[in-house]
Protein backbone atom coordinates (compact mmCIF):
# COMPACT_ATOMS: atom_id res chain seq x y z
CA MET A 1 19.43 3.01 -6.65
CA ILE A 2 16.21 2.34 -8.53
CA HIS A 3 15.16 -0.29 -6.02
CA THR A 4 15.77 2.25 -3.27
CA LEU A 5 13.77 5.01 -5.05
CA LYS A 6 10.75 2.93 -5.99
CA PRO A 7 9.11 2.86 -2.53
CA PHE A 8 9.55 6.64 -2.25
CA GLU A 9 7.97 7.02 -5.71
CA MET A 10 5.05 4.79 -4.67
CA CYS A 11 4.38 6.51 -1.27
CA ASN A 12 1.53 9.01 -1.69
CA GLU A 13 2.69 11.15 1.22
CA ILE A 14 5.98 11.97 -0.46
CA SER A 15 5.82 14.84 -2.95
CA GLU A 16 9.38 15.37 -4.08
CA ILE A 17 12.68 13.46 -4.18
CA ILE A 18 16.15 15.00 -4.26
CA ILE A 19 19.10 12.72 -5.03
CA VAL A 20 22.56 13.68 -3.73
CA THR A 21 25.38 11.92 -5.61
CA LEU A 22 28.92 12.24 -6.86
CA SER A 23 29.72 14.75 -9.58
CA GLY A 24 30.54 12.10 -12.15
CA TYR A 25 27.18 10.37 -11.79
CA ILE A 26 24.74 13.19 -12.44
CA GLU A 27 23.98 12.32 -15.99
CA LYS A 28 23.80 8.58 -15.27
CA VAL A 29 21.36 9.15 -12.39
CA TRP A 30 19.11 11.29 -14.57
CA GLU A 31 19.28 8.67 -17.31
CA LEU A 32 18.02 5.99 -14.86
CA VAL A 33 15.40 8.32 -13.42
CA ASN A 34 13.97 8.98 -16.85
CA ARG A 35 14.08 5.38 -17.90
CA TYR A 36 12.16 4.20 -14.89
CA GLN A 37 9.78 7.14 -15.00
CA LEU A 38 10.44 8.33 -11.41
CA SER A 39 8.40 11.49 -11.70
CA LYS A 40 8.91 12.62 -8.10
CA VAL A 41 12.65 13.12 -8.57
CA LYS A 42 13.00 16.89 -9.05
CA LYS A 43 16.70 17.44 -8.47
CA VAL A 44 19.96 15.48 -8.75
CA VAL A 45 22.72 17.43 -7.00
CA ILE A 46 26.41 17.04 -6.23
CA GLY A 47 27.13 16.00 -2.69
CA GLY A 48 29.97 16.96 -0.34
CA ASN A 49 33.05 15.26 1.10
CA THR A 50 31.25 13.91 4.17
CA ARG A 51 27.86 12.45 4.91
CA GLN A 52 27.10 15.52 7.03
CA GLU A 53 27.91 17.88 4.20
CA SER A 54 25.87 15.83 1.71
CA SER A 55 22.88 15.76 4.03
CA LYS A 56 23.02 19.55 4.40
CA ILE A 57 23.25 20.06 0.65
CA GLY A 58 20.16 17.92 0.14
CA ILE A 59 18.33 19.84 2.86
CA ASP A 60 19.41 23.22 1.37
CA CYS A 61 18.08 22.22 -2.04
CA CYS A 62 14.53 21.58 -0.77
CA GLY A 63 11.81 24.02 -1.78
CA GLU A 64 10.75 26.89 0.43
CA ASP A 65 7.40 25.32 1.03
CA THR A 66 8.95 22.12 2.51
CA ASN A 67 7.45 21.02 5.84
CA TYR A 68 9.21 17.74 6.47
CA VAL A 69 12.25 15.92 5.07
CA LEU A 70 13.24 12.28 5.05
CA ILE A 71 16.99 11.44 4.75
CA HIS A 72 17.75 7.94 3.56
CA ASP A 73 20.85 5.97 2.63
CA ALA A 74 20.72 5.01 -1.02
CA VAL A 75 22.51 1.77 -0.11
CA ARG A 76 19.35 0.52 1.72
CA PRO A 77 17.34 -0.77 -1.23
CA PHE A 78 14.82 -2.74 0.85
CA ILE A 79 12.99 0.06 2.47
CA SER A 80 9.22 -0.45 2.36
CA VAL A 81 6.30 1.88 1.76
CA GLU A 82 4.86 0.77 5.06
CA ILE A 83 7.92 2.02 6.97
CA LEU A 84 7.79 5.29 5.04
CA LYS A 85 4.18 5.82 5.95
CA ASN A 86 4.87 5.07 9.59
CA ILE A 87 7.80 7.51 9.88
CA ILE A 88 5.89 10.21 8.08
CA LYS A 89 2.97 9.84 10.47
CA ALA A 90 5.32 9.99 13.44
CA VAL A 91 7.38 13.01 12.27
CA LYS A 92 4.21 15.09 12.04
CA LYS A 93 3.74 14.53 15.79
CA TYR A 94 7.33 14.39 17.15
CA LYS A 95 9.28 16.51 14.60
CA ALA A 96 12.30 14.16 14.70
CA VAL A 97 12.14 10.39 14.12
CA ASP A 98 14.61 7.62 13.54
CA THR A 99 14.09 4.12 12.08
CA VAL A 100 15.41 1.38 14.37
CA ILE A 101 15.29 -2.32 15.01
CA PRO A 102 16.05 -4.31 18.19
CA SER A 103 19.56 -5.63 18.65
CA ALA A 104 19.76 -9.38 18.57
CA ASP A 105 23.45 -9.29 19.47
CA THR A 106 25.02 -8.31 22.75
CA ILE A 107 26.75 -4.93 22.39
CA VAL A 108 30.16 -4.70 24.08
CA GLU A 109 31.87 -1.38 24.86
CA VAL A 110 35.69 -1.59 24.90
CA ASP A 111 38.44 0.72 26.04
CA HIS A 112 41.33 2.01 23.97
CA GLU A 113 43.37 -1.13 24.78
CA GLY A 114 40.69 -3.59 23.68
CA PHE A 115 39.37 -4.59 27.13
CA ILE A 116 35.67 -4.74 27.84
CA LYS A 117 34.55 -1.57 29.64
CA GLN A 118 30.93 -2.44 30.02
CA ILE A 119 28.15 -4.47 28.52
CA PRO A 120 24.97 -2.46 28.18
CA ASN A 121 21.56 -4.13 28.62
CA ARG A 122 20.58 -4.85 25.05
CA ALA A 123 16.85 -4.62 25.95
CA SER A 124 17.15 -0.89 25.67
CA LEU A 125 19.46 -0.84 22.66
CA ARG A 126 18.38 -0.46 19.06
CA ARG A 127 20.24 -0.63 15.73
CA GLY A 128 19.76 2.55 13.71
CA GLN A 129 18.56 2.47 10.19
CA THR A 130 17.21 5.03 7.74
CA PRO A 131 15.21 6.92 6.72
CA GLN A 132 15.38 9.57 9.41
CA ALA A 133 12.62 12.17 9.31
CA PHE A 134 12.61 15.74 10.53
CA ASP A 135 10.68 18.93 10.70
CA TYR A 136 12.35 21.04 8.04
CA GLU A 137 13.20 24.04 10.19
CA LEU A 138 14.43 21.81 13.00
CA ILE A 139 16.93 19.91 10.84
CA GLN A 140 18.13 23.14 9.23
CA LYS A 141 18.86 24.61 12.71
CA ALA A 142 20.66 21.38 13.73
CA HIS A 143 23.08 21.57 10.84
CA ILE A 144 23.74 25.27 11.29
CA LYS A 145 24.43 24.77 14.98
CA ALA A 146 26.78 21.87 14.31
CA LEU A 147 28.89 23.89 11.85
CA GLU A 148 29.02 26.80 14.38
CA ASP A 149 30.37 24.38 17.00
CA GLY A 150 32.97 22.98 14.65
CA ILE A 151 31.30 19.61 14.01
CA THR A 152 31.78 18.67 10.36
CA ASN A 153 31.86 14.88 10.11
CA SER A 154 28.80 13.54 11.90
CA THR A 155 27.44 10.36 10.45
CA ASP A 156 23.96 10.73 11.98
CA ASP A 157 21.49 13.61 11.54
CA CYS A 158 19.60 12.54 14.66
CA PHE A 159 22.76 13.21 16.65
CA LEU A 160 22.78 16.76 15.40
CA VAL A 161 19.10 17.24 16.49
CA LEU A 162 19.83 15.71 19.92
CA ARG A 163 22.54 18.36 20.42
CA LEU A 164 19.81 20.93 20.27
CA GLY A 165 18.14 19.35 23.22
CA HIS A 166 15.26 18.05 21.11
CA SER A 167 14.07 14.47 21.65
CA VAL A 168 13.99 11.95 18.77
CA PHE A 169 11.20 9.39 18.55
CA THR A 170 11.69 5.95 17.01
CA VAL A 171 9.67 3.75 14.68
CA LYS A 172 10.26 0.08 13.98
CA GLY A 173 12.24 -0.66 10.87
CA SER A 174 12.88 -4.04 9.28
CA GLU A 175 15.60 -6.70 9.42
CA GLU A 176 15.51 -6.67 5.58
CA ASN A 177 16.34 -2.97 5.44
CA ILE A 178 20.01 -3.72 5.32
CA LYS A 179 22.79 -1.36 4.45
CA ILE A 180 25.03 -2.61 1.62
CA THR A 181 28.51 -1.75 2.90
CA PHE A 182 30.72 -4.86 2.70
CA PRO A 183 31.10 -7.50 -0.02
CA ILE A 184 29.10 -10.04 2.05
CA ASP A 185 26.22 -7.57 1.98
CA LEU A 186 25.98 -7.83 -1.78
CA HIS A 187 25.50 -11.61 -1.49
CA ILE A 188 22.76 -11.10 1.16
CA ALA A 189 21.12 -8.41 -0.94
CA ASP A 190 21.17 -10.63 -3.97
CA LYS A 191 19.41 -13.37 -2.07
CA LEU A 192 16.86 -10.86 -0.72
CA PHE A 193 16.16 -9.67 -4.27
CA GLN A 194 15.77 -13.28 -5.41
CA LEU A 195 13.26 -13.92 -2.63
CA LYS A 196 11.64 -10.51 -2.74
CA THR A 197 7.99 -10.78 -1.87
CA ALA A 198 5.27 -8.27 -2.11
CA SER A 199 2.41 -7.99 0.33
CA PHE A 200 -1.16 -7.03 -0.32
CA LYS A 201 -3.95 -5.77 1.87
CA ASN A 202 -7.68 -5.82 1.44
CA THR A 203 -8.63 -3.54 -1.40
CA LEU A 204 -11.79 -1.93 -2.58
CA ALA A 205 -10.43 -1.77 -6.13
CA HIS A 206 -12.28 -4.88 -7.39
CA LYS A 207 -14.52 -2.64 -9.42
CA LYS A 208 -11.48 -2.07 -11.69
CA LEU A 209 -11.89 -5.64 -12.88
CA LYS A 210 -15.16 -4.97 -14.65
CA ASN A 211 -14.89 -5.54 -18.41
CA LYS A 212 -11.13 -6.30 -18.15
CA ILE A 213 -10.11 -9.11 -20.42
CA PHE A 214 -8.21 -12.03 -18.88
CA LEU A 215 -6.70 -15.13 -20.38
CA ILE A 216 -6.07 -17.97 -17.91
CA ILE A 217 -3.91 -20.82 -19.21
CA GLY A 218 -4.68 -23.94 -17.22
CA GLY A 219 -7.95 -22.32 -16.29
CA THR A 220 -10.27 -25.42 -16.32
CA SER A 221 -9.22 -26.93 -12.99
CA GLY A 222 -7.48 -26.20 -9.70
CA ILE A 223 -6.25 -22.70 -8.95
CA GLY A 224 -6.78 -21.50 -12.57
CA LEU A 225 -10.45 -22.42 -12.39
CA SER A 226 -10.96 -20.76 -9.05
CA ILE A 227 -9.35 -17.56 -10.33
CA LYS A 228 -11.65 -17.67 -13.38
CA ASN A 229 -14.71 -17.93 -11.12
CA GLU A 230 -13.52 -15.19 -8.85
CA LEU A 231 -12.84 -12.80 -11.68
CA GLU A 232 -16.24 -13.40 -13.22
CA ARG A 233 -17.84 -12.40 -9.91
CA TYR A 234 -16.58 -8.89 -10.63
CA SER A 235 -17.73 -8.85 -14.23
CA ALA A 236 -14.34 -9.42 -15.85
CA LYS A 237 -14.31 -11.12 -19.24
CA VAL A 238 -12.37 -14.35 -18.78
CA TYR A 239 -11.10 -16.83 -21.36
CA ALA A 240 -9.93 -20.06 -19.71
CA LEU A 241 -7.91 -22.42 -21.89
CA SER A 242 -6.28 -25.79 -21.37
CA ARG A 243 -5.49 -28.94 -23.34
CA LYS A 244 -9.19 -29.81 -22.97
CA THR A 245 -10.69 -26.63 -24.45
CA ASN A 246 -11.31 -25.41 -28.05
CA PRO A 247 -9.05 -23.83 -28.91
CA SER A 248 -6.71 -25.98 -26.89
CA ILE A 249 -3.29 -24.92 -25.52
CA ASP A 250 -0.30 -26.96 -24.47
CA VAL A 251 2.36 -24.84 -22.83
CA ARG A 252 4.97 -27.39 -23.85
CA ASN A 253 4.47 -26.43 -27.47
CA PHE A 254 5.30 -22.87 -28.59
CA ASP A 255 3.10 -23.01 -31.68
CA SER A 256 0.14 -24.10 -29.56
CA VAL A 257 0.73 -21.24 -27.12
CA GLU A 258 1.20 -18.56 -29.79
CA LYS A 259 -1.82 -19.67 -31.76
CA ALA A 260 -4.11 -19.70 -28.68
CA ILE A 261 -2.98 -16.29 -27.45
CA ARG A 262 -3.38 -14.79 -30.96
CA TYR A 263 -6.89 -16.32 -31.16
CA ILE A 264 -7.98 -14.67 -27.92
CA TRP A 265 -6.33 -11.33 -28.65
CA ASN A 266 -8.06 -11.14 -32.08
CA ILE A 267 -11.49 -11.36 -30.38
CA LYS A 268 -11.16 -8.00 -28.56
CA GLN A 269 -7.85 -6.74 -29.87
CA ARG A 270 -6.71 -6.63 -26.22
CA ILE A 271 -5.81 -8.89 -23.29
CA ASP A 272 -5.33 -6.98 -20.04
CA CYS A 273 -3.81 -9.81 -18.08
CA ILE A 274 -2.43 -13.31 -18.95
CA ILE A 275 -2.27 -15.77 -16.11
CA ASN A 276 -0.37 -19.03 -16.53
CA SER A 277 -1.62 -21.58 -14.09
CA ALA A 278 -0.44 -24.65 -15.96
CA GLY A 279 1.94 -26.81 -13.89
CA GLN A 280 3.31 -30.29 -13.42
CA LEU A 281 4.31 -32.15 -10.24
CA ILE A 282 5.84 -35.54 -9.98
CA ARG A 283 7.06 -36.63 -6.58
CA LYS A 284 10.06 -38.82 -7.01
CA ASN A 285 13.68 -38.93 -5.81
CA VAL A 286 16.22 -38.08 -8.53
CA GLU A 287 17.56 -41.60 -8.46
CA PHE A 288 14.16 -43.07 -9.51
CA MET A 289 12.85 -40.31 -11.76
CA GLU A 290 12.75 -41.09 -15.46
CA LEU A 291 14.39 -38.72 -17.87
CA GLU A 292 11.06 -38.08 -19.58
CA GLU A 293 9.45 -37.17 -16.23
CA TRP A 294 12.18 -34.65 -15.42
CA ASP A 295 11.80 -33.11 -18.86
CA ASP A 296 8.01 -32.96 -18.58
CA ILE A 297 8.25 -31.00 -15.29
CA PHE A 298 10.68 -28.47 -16.71
CA ASP A 299 8.92 -28.26 -20.09
CA THR A 300 5.75 -27.43 -18.26
CA ASN A 301 6.85 -25.36 -15.28
CA ILE A 302 9.62 -23.26 -16.77
CA LYS A 303 9.93 -23.65 -20.56
CA GLY A 304 6.13 -23.32 -20.78
CA CYS A 305 6.37 -20.00 -18.92
CA PHE A 306 9.05 -18.85 -21.34
CA TYR A 307 6.73 -19.78 -24.23
CA VAL A 308 3.80 -17.95 -22.67
CA ALA A 309 5.91 -14.86 -22.14
CA LYS A 310 7.54 -14.88 -25.54
CA ALA A 311 4.18 -15.36 -27.32
CA SER A 312 2.47 -12.70 -25.18
CA ILE A 313 5.03 -9.91 -25.43
CA PRO A 314 4.31 -8.77 -29.02
CA PHE A 315 0.50 -8.39 -28.25
CA LEU A 316 1.11 -6.65 -24.93
CA LYS A 317 3.53 -4.24 -26.52
CA LYS A 318 1.10 -3.59 -29.36
CA GLN A 319 -1.63 -2.53 -26.94
CA GLY A 320 0.64 -0.41 -24.75
CA GLY A 321 1.13 -2.72 -21.80
CA GLY A 322 -0.50 -5.33 -19.66
CA LYS A 323 0.14 -7.92 -16.99
CA LEU A 324 1.68 -11.39 -16.90
CA PHE A 325 1.13 -13.50 -13.80
CA PHE A 326 2.63 -16.92 -13.25
CA ILE A 327 1.49 -19.42 -10.60
CA GLY A 328 4.54 -20.60 -8.72
CA SER A 329 4.90 -22.37 -5.43
CA SER A 330 6.29 -21.83 -1.91
CA SER A 331 8.74 -24.64 -2.90
CA TYR A 332 10.86 -22.08 -4.66
CA THR A 333 12.55 -21.11 -1.38
CA ARG A 334 14.11 -24.48 -0.61
CA GLY A 335 14.68 -27.81 -2.27
CA ARG A 336 13.15 -30.84 -0.63
CA GLY A 337 13.74 -34.55 -0.99
CA GLY A 338 11.42 -36.02 -3.62
CA PHE A 339 10.80 -32.58 -5.10
CA ALA A 340 14.14 -31.78 -6.80
CA ALA A 341 12.60 -31.20 -10.17
CA TYR A 342 9.51 -29.41 -8.97
CA SER A 343 11.26 -27.10 -6.43
CA SER A 344 14.05 -26.19 -8.78
CA SER A 345 11.65 -25.44 -11.61
CA LYS A 346 9.71 -23.06 -9.34
CA ALA A 347 12.91 -21.40 -8.17
CA ALA A 348 13.83 -20.93 -11.84
CA LEU A 349 10.41 -19.38 -12.43
CA VAL A 350 11.03 -16.69 -9.82
CA ASN A 351 14.40 -15.72 -11.33
CA PHE A 352 12.92 -15.79 -14.84
CA CYS A 353 10.11 -13.48 -13.88
CA GLN A 354 12.22 -11.00 -12.00
CA ALA A 355 14.55 -10.76 -14.98
CA LEU A 356 11.63 -10.45 -17.41
CA ALA A 357 10.11 -7.66 -15.27
CA GLU A 358 13.25 -5.62 -15.78
CA GLU A 359 13.31 -6.25 -19.50
CA LEU A 360 9.71 -5.19 -19.97
CA PHE A 361 9.55 -2.31 -17.53
CA ASP A 362 9.83 0.30 -20.28
CA TYR A 363 6.88 -1.23 -22.10
CA ASN A 364 4.49 -0.98 -19.10
CA ILE A 365 4.24 -4.73 -18.92
CA LYS A 366 4.08 -5.98 -15.31
CA VAL A 367 5.40 -9.46 -14.48
CA ASN A 368 4.82 -11.15 -11.14
CA VAL A 369 4.64 -14.57 -9.51
CA ILE A 370 1.93 -15.88 -7.20
CA SER A 371 3.43 -18.48 -4.90
CA PRO A 372 0.95 -20.32 -2.68
CA SER A 373 1.89 -22.96 -0.16
CA ARG A 374 0.23 -26.37 -0.31
CA VAL A 375 -3.12 -26.16 -2.12
CA ASN A 376 -5.89 -28.70 -2.35
CA THR A 377 -5.82 -29.26 -6.13
CA PRO A 378 -6.34 -32.30 -8.36
CA LEU A 379 -2.62 -32.19 -9.22
CA ARG A 380 -1.67 -32.47 -5.52
CA TYR A 381 -4.25 -35.32 -4.97
CA LYS A 382 -2.63 -37.35 -7.77
CA ASN A 383 0.71 -37.13 -5.86
CA PHE A 384 -0.32 -37.25 -2.27
CA GLY A 385 -3.74 -38.93 -2.16
CA LYS A 386 -6.35 -37.92 0.37
CA GLU A 387 -5.01 -35.32 2.90
CA ASP A 388 -6.68 -33.49 5.73
CA PRO A 389 -8.21 -30.38 4.05
CA LYS A 390 -7.43 -28.36 7.17
CA THR A 391 -3.70 -28.72 6.35
CA LEU A 392 -4.15 -27.29 2.86
CA LEU A 393 -5.18 -24.04 1.28
CA SER A 394 -8.33 -24.09 -0.67
CA PRO A 395 -8.15 -23.02 -4.39
CA ASP A 396 -10.87 -20.46 -3.76
CA TYR A 397 -8.80 -18.81 -0.99
CA VAL A 398 -5.81 -18.73 -3.25
CA ALA A 399 -7.94 -17.17 -5.99
CA LYS A 400 -9.15 -14.40 -3.73
CA GLN A 401 -5.60 -13.60 -2.66
CA SER A 402 -4.39 -13.77 -6.28
CA ILE A 403 -7.02 -11.15 -7.27
CA LYS A 404 -5.54 -8.80 -4.70
CA ALA A 405 -2.10 -9.36 -6.19
CA ILE A 406 -3.42 -8.75 -9.72
CA LEU A 407 -4.88 -5.40 -8.61
CA THR A 408 -1.52 -4.11 -7.45
CA ASP A 409 0.70 -2.11 -9.77
CA THR A 410 4.02 -3.77 -8.80
CA THR A 411 6.32 -5.75 -11.07
CA GLY A 412 9.10 -8.24 -10.45
CA SER A 413 7.48 -9.41 -7.19
CA VAL A 414 6.61 -12.69 -5.57
CA PHE A 415 3.28 -12.81 -3.78
CA ASP A 416 3.48 -15.54 -1.15
CA ILE A 417 0.12 -16.93 -0.09
CA PHE A 418 -0.15 -18.87 3.21
């Protein structure tokens, strides 16, 4: 439910949220709403025996000054702010809008005996999703008319509007905006959550970086160094540490990590964002990899992130919040031969950060992963030698995209950079 509600909370065009639920869940819903600070939720009400009745109850509970309503299935947790903005823009023009996607499958109509009756041209067919958006007075009239005509179990609010003779416009939804109905859907949803990525657009918010305090671990080369240089362009105060600096930091050693973070925090009594860019890559098949090499990769790429998080949390809590960013890799999506240790460590990092984001949500500590594809760094050169630069991302490009990610207010997300 919280995953479903967050995009509505984040969408500036939405002013109020009403949750329709079962009678036994009212207190639990309010508990979650308060815990996750969903300030737009104004009412949690008891629904009816059918979807149609529950929709009408939600509509009836809207305020008198309501102009438009969006009706959404709570079991579609992957709705995006972008889709919400598109459907809101459309409803102001067309008064009734549905969210749809093209049908990749052939739709077959059968008769009551199970024989094919006809096969419609799928080019004109769409799969319906939610939200559906309506002019408030129009959807009220549609529900009233349906009840007058004895219709009490419609599963689609657009159907009720069509009965009035009013057209319904469509906007494009998303393949990821799945409805969790069957057990297999839970497995798909779990994978989507695991691979959940966030997008970022060009922003004019760089001025927010001025005088902010950043600590970059692994900030003396590669991506970390480029992020440092980019942040300093916007007058941020940046401390870049590595095993070569004074104080030095080795993410494989907790005492080293805790000591370095404490040292930086004591300078200003604050660190707004901690970025861990330290990483290890050794390209070898499992058969030929030494035990020490495997341990070094995991000690750096995952245990090191645990150490950074564990050492940072007390300071971030003390100052009332902050941000933790970890540099991952596009390798987290799939294991590849020769990269068993590296890819699995980066997949573990994504799961670790998503879990940590939930644990720290109440403390206003945001945790995210930046996962670039192949980057032209010294670490990559040591494993691949001289490659065509045109086939690789530059560290400066990754840094610019990373800054955009840092400026967002999301948590538990993976920012893929291509």
